N, C-alpha and C. Protein backbone atom coordinates (compact mmCIF):
# COMPACT_ATOMS: atom_id res chain seq x y z
N UNK A 1 0.82 -1.20 0.00
CA UNK A 1 0.00 0.00 0.00
C UNK A 1 0.86 1.26 0.00
N UNK A 2 1.99 1.21 0.59
CA UNK A 2 2.87 2.37 0.65
C UNK A 2 3.34 2.77 -0.75
N UNK A 3 3.55 1.79 -1.62
CA UNK A 3 4.03 2.07 -2.96
C UNK A 3 2.95 2.70 -3.85
N UNK A 4 1.70 2.54 -3.48
CA UNK A 4 0.60 3.13 -4.25
C UNK A 4 0.71 4.64 -4.31
N UNK A 5 1.23 5.26 -3.26
CA UNK A 5 1.41 6.71 -3.24
C UNK A 5 2.34 7.15 -4.35
N UNK A 6 3.41 6.39 -4.57
CA UNK A 6 4.40 6.74 -5.60
C UNK A 6 3.88 6.52 -7.01
N UNK A 7 2.86 5.69 -7.14
CA UNK A 7 2.27 5.44 -8.46
C UNK A 7 1.13 6.41 -8.74
N UNK A 8 0.21 6.54 -7.78
CA UNK A 8 -0.99 7.32 -8.02
C UNK A 8 -0.80 8.82 -7.80
N UNK A 9 0.17 9.21 -7.01
CA UNK A 9 0.43 10.64 -6.80
C UNK A 9 0.82 11.34 -8.09
N UNK A 10 1.83 10.85 -8.81
CA UNK A 10 2.19 11.47 -10.09
C UNK A 10 1.08 11.38 -11.13
N UNK A 11 0.29 10.31 -11.10
CA UNK A 11 -0.82 10.19 -12.06
C UNK A 11 -1.85 11.28 -11.81
N UNK A 12 -2.09 11.60 -10.54
CA UNK A 12 -3.03 12.66 -10.20
C UNK A 12 -2.50 14.01 -10.69
N UNK A 13 -1.22 14.23 -10.53
CA UNK A 13 -0.62 15.48 -10.99
C UNK A 13 -0.69 15.61 -12.51
N UNK A 14 -0.52 14.52 -13.21
CA UNK A 14 -0.65 14.54 -14.67
C UNK A 14 -2.08 14.92 -15.04
N UNK A 15 -3.05 14.40 -14.31
CA UNK A 15 -4.45 14.76 -14.54
C UNK A 15 -4.68 16.25 -14.31
N UNK A 16 -4.08 16.80 -13.25
CA UNK A 16 -4.22 18.24 -12.98
C UNK A 16 -3.60 19.08 -14.09
N UNK A 17 -2.47 18.64 -14.62
CA UNK A 17 -1.81 19.35 -15.72
C UNK A 17 -2.70 19.33 -16.97
N UNK A 18 -3.31 18.19 -17.25
CA UNK A 18 -4.19 18.07 -18.41
C UNK A 18 -5.40 18.98 -18.26
N UNK A 19 -5.98 19.04 -17.05
CA UNK A 19 -7.12 19.92 -16.80
C UNK A 19 -6.73 21.38 -17.01
N UNK A 20 -5.58 21.78 -16.48
CA UNK A 20 -5.12 23.16 -16.66
C UNK A 20 -4.89 23.47 -18.13
N UNK A 21 -4.34 22.52 -18.87
CA UNK A 21 -4.11 22.72 -20.30
C UNK A 21 -5.42 22.91 -21.04
N UNK A 22 -6.41 22.09 -20.73
CA UNK A 22 -7.72 22.19 -21.40
C UNK A 22 -8.40 23.52 -21.07
N UNK A 23 -8.30 23.96 -19.82
CA UNK A 23 -8.89 25.24 -19.45
C UNK A 23 -8.23 26.39 -20.20
N UNK A 24 -6.91 26.35 -20.30
CA UNK A 24 -6.19 27.39 -21.03
C UNK A 24 -6.55 27.35 -22.51
N UNK A 25 -6.68 26.16 -23.06
CA UNK A 25 -7.05 26.02 -24.47
C UNK A 25 -8.44 26.60 -24.73
N UNK A 26 -9.39 26.32 -23.84
CA UNK A 26 -10.75 26.86 -24.00
C UNK A 26 -10.73 28.38 -23.87
N UNK A 27 -9.95 28.91 -22.95
CA UNK A 27 -9.85 30.36 -22.79
C UNK A 27 -9.27 31.02 -24.03
N UNK A 28 -8.25 30.42 -24.60
CA UNK A 28 -7.65 30.97 -25.81
C UNK A 28 -8.62 30.92 -26.99
N UNK A 29 -9.42 29.86 -27.07
CA UNK A 29 -10.43 29.79 -28.14
C UNK A 29 -11.48 30.88 -27.96
N UNK A 30 -11.92 31.10 -26.72
CA UNK A 30 -12.89 32.17 -26.46
C UNK A 30 -12.30 33.53 -26.79
N UNK A 31 -11.05 33.76 -26.41
CA UNK A 31 -10.39 35.02 -26.70
C UNK A 31 -10.27 35.23 -28.21
N UNK A 32 -9.90 34.17 -28.93
CA UNK A 32 -9.78 34.26 -30.38
C UNK A 32 -11.11 34.60 -31.02
N UNK A 33 -12.19 33.99 -30.53
CA UNK A 33 -13.53 34.27 -31.05
C UNK A 33 -13.91 35.73 -30.81
N UNK A 34 -13.59 36.24 -29.64
CA UNK A 34 -13.90 37.64 -29.32
C UNK A 34 -13.09 38.58 -30.21
N UNK A 35 -11.82 38.27 -30.42
CA UNK A 35 -10.96 39.14 -31.21
C UNK A 35 -11.34 39.14 -32.70
N UNK A 36 -12.01 38.09 -33.16
CA UNK A 36 -12.42 38.01 -34.56
C UNK A 36 -13.74 38.72 -34.83
N UNK A 37 -14.43 39.15 -33.79
CA UNK A 37 -15.69 39.87 -34.00
C UNK A 37 -15.40 41.21 -34.66
N UNK A 38 -16.37 41.65 -35.45
CA UNK A 38 -16.21 42.93 -36.12
C UNK A 38 -16.31 44.06 -35.11
N UNK A 39 -15.56 45.10 -35.37
CA UNK A 39 -15.58 46.28 -34.50
C UNK A 39 -16.88 47.03 -34.75
N UNK A 40 -17.52 47.45 -33.67
CA UNK A 40 -18.75 48.22 -33.82
C UNK A 40 -18.43 49.59 -34.40
N UNK A 41 -19.18 50.00 -35.41
CA UNK A 41 -18.90 51.31 -36.01
C UNK A 41 -19.26 52.45 -35.06
N UNK A 42 -18.44 53.48 -35.06
CA UNK A 42 -18.71 54.65 -34.24
C UNK A 42 -19.59 55.61 -35.05
N UNK A 43 -20.60 56.18 -34.42
CA UNK A 43 -21.45 57.11 -35.15
C UNK A 43 -20.68 58.38 -35.55
N UNK A 44 -21.05 58.93 -36.69
CA UNK A 44 -20.38 60.14 -37.16
C UNK A 44 -20.71 61.34 -36.28
N UNK A 45 -21.95 61.40 -35.81
CA UNK A 45 -22.36 62.50 -34.92
C UNK A 45 -22.99 61.89 -33.66
N UNK A 46 -22.18 61.52 -32.68
CA UNK A 46 -22.73 60.90 -31.47
C UNK A 46 -23.51 61.91 -30.62
N UNK A 47 -24.56 61.40 -29.95
CA UNK A 47 -25.33 62.25 -29.05
C UNK A 47 -24.70 62.22 -27.67
N UNK A 48 -24.65 63.36 -27.02
CA UNK A 48 -24.14 63.43 -25.66
C UNK A 48 -25.28 63.11 -24.71
N UNK A 49 -25.10 62.13 -23.84
CA UNK A 49 -26.18 61.73 -22.95
C UNK A 49 -25.95 62.18 -21.51
N UNK A 50 -24.79 62.63 -21.19
CA UNK A 50 -24.52 63.09 -19.83
C UNK A 50 -24.22 61.93 -18.89
N UNK A 51 -24.26 62.21 -17.60
CA UNK A 51 -23.93 61.20 -16.59
C UNK A 51 -25.10 60.24 -16.40
N UNK A 52 -24.79 58.98 -16.16
CA UNK A 52 -25.81 57.97 -15.88
C UNK A 52 -26.07 58.00 -14.39
N UNK A 53 -27.30 58.34 -14.02
CA UNK A 53 -27.65 58.42 -12.60
C UNK A 53 -28.45 57.22 -12.14
N UNK A 54 -29.15 56.58 -13.07
CA UNK A 54 -29.98 55.44 -12.71
C UNK A 54 -29.92 54.42 -13.83
N UNK A 55 -29.91 53.14 -13.47
CA UNK A 55 -29.80 52.07 -14.45
C UNK A 55 -30.79 50.98 -14.08
N UNK A 56 -31.55 50.52 -15.04
CA UNK A 56 -32.56 49.49 -14.79
C UNK A 56 -32.40 48.36 -15.80
N UNK A 57 -32.47 47.12 -15.31
CA UNK A 57 -32.39 45.95 -16.18
C UNK A 57 -33.77 45.32 -16.28
N UNK A 58 -34.16 44.98 -17.50
CA UNK A 58 -35.41 44.27 -17.72
C UNK A 58 -35.09 42.92 -18.33
N UNK A 59 -35.76 41.88 -17.84
CA UNK A 59 -35.53 40.52 -18.31
C UNK A 59 -34.06 40.15 -18.21
N UNK A 60 -33.48 40.43 -17.08
CA UNK A 60 -32.06 40.16 -16.85
C UNK A 60 -31.91 38.74 -16.32
N UNK A 61 -31.34 37.85 -17.12
CA UNK A 61 -31.17 36.45 -16.72
C UNK A 61 -29.69 36.14 -16.60
N UNK A 62 -29.24 35.97 -15.39
CA UNK A 62 -27.85 35.63 -15.17
C UNK A 62 -27.69 35.16 -13.74
N UNK A 63 -26.57 34.56 -13.45
CA UNK A 63 -26.31 34.14 -12.09
C UNK A 63 -25.40 35.14 -11.38
N UNK A 64 -25.28 36.35 -11.95
CA UNK A 64 -24.53 37.41 -11.28
C UNK A 64 -25.51 38.16 -10.37
N UNK A 65 -25.15 38.34 -9.15
CA UNK A 65 -26.04 39.02 -8.22
C UNK A 65 -26.09 40.51 -8.50
N UNK A 66 -27.17 41.14 -8.09
CA UNK A 66 -27.30 42.59 -8.27
C UNK A 66 -26.22 43.33 -7.50
N UNK A 67 -25.81 42.80 -6.36
CA UNK A 67 -24.74 43.43 -5.59
C UNK A 67 -23.45 43.47 -6.41
N UNK A 68 -23.15 42.38 -7.11
CA UNK A 68 -21.96 42.34 -7.95
C UNK A 68 -22.05 43.38 -9.07
N UNK A 69 -23.22 43.50 -9.67
CA UNK A 69 -23.42 44.47 -10.74
C UNK A 69 -23.22 45.88 -10.21
N UNK A 70 -23.77 46.17 -9.05
CA UNK A 70 -23.62 47.50 -8.46
C UNK A 70 -22.15 47.80 -8.17
N UNK A 71 -21.42 46.81 -7.70
CA UNK A 71 -20.00 46.99 -7.43
C UNK A 71 -19.24 47.28 -8.73
N UNK A 72 -19.58 46.56 -9.80
CA UNK A 72 -18.91 46.78 -11.09
C UNK A 72 -19.20 48.19 -11.61
N UNK A 73 -20.44 48.61 -11.50
CA UNK A 73 -20.81 49.95 -11.97
C UNK A 73 -20.08 51.01 -11.17
N UNK A 74 -20.07 50.85 -9.85
CA UNK A 74 -19.37 51.84 -9.01
C UNK A 74 -17.89 51.86 -9.31
N UNK A 75 -17.31 50.68 -9.57
CA UNK A 75 -15.88 50.61 -9.87
C UNK A 75 -15.56 51.36 -11.16
N UNK A 76 -16.40 51.21 -12.17
CA UNK A 76 -16.14 51.86 -13.46
C UNK A 76 -16.45 53.34 -13.43
N UNK A 77 -17.30 53.79 -12.52
CA UNK A 77 -17.61 55.21 -12.43
C UNK A 77 -16.55 55.99 -11.70
N UNK A 78 -15.74 55.31 -10.90
CA UNK A 78 -14.71 55.99 -10.12
C UNK A 78 -13.50 56.32 -10.95
């Protein structure tokens, strides 16, 4: 039983390396997909809207909490 540690320990580490590789590969594919999207055209005469004082979401479906959204908004406004 003592020798099992020397066999299965490295096998577990190889599994962790493979998982990390797959996660990095998926992230790179997502990044590549985002970078290949067309750039949104900028309007020739943009309208000035001023400061955003209130924000409302309708039909917002996500597992991000409203507290997280408020923190993100406050972070970007600072």
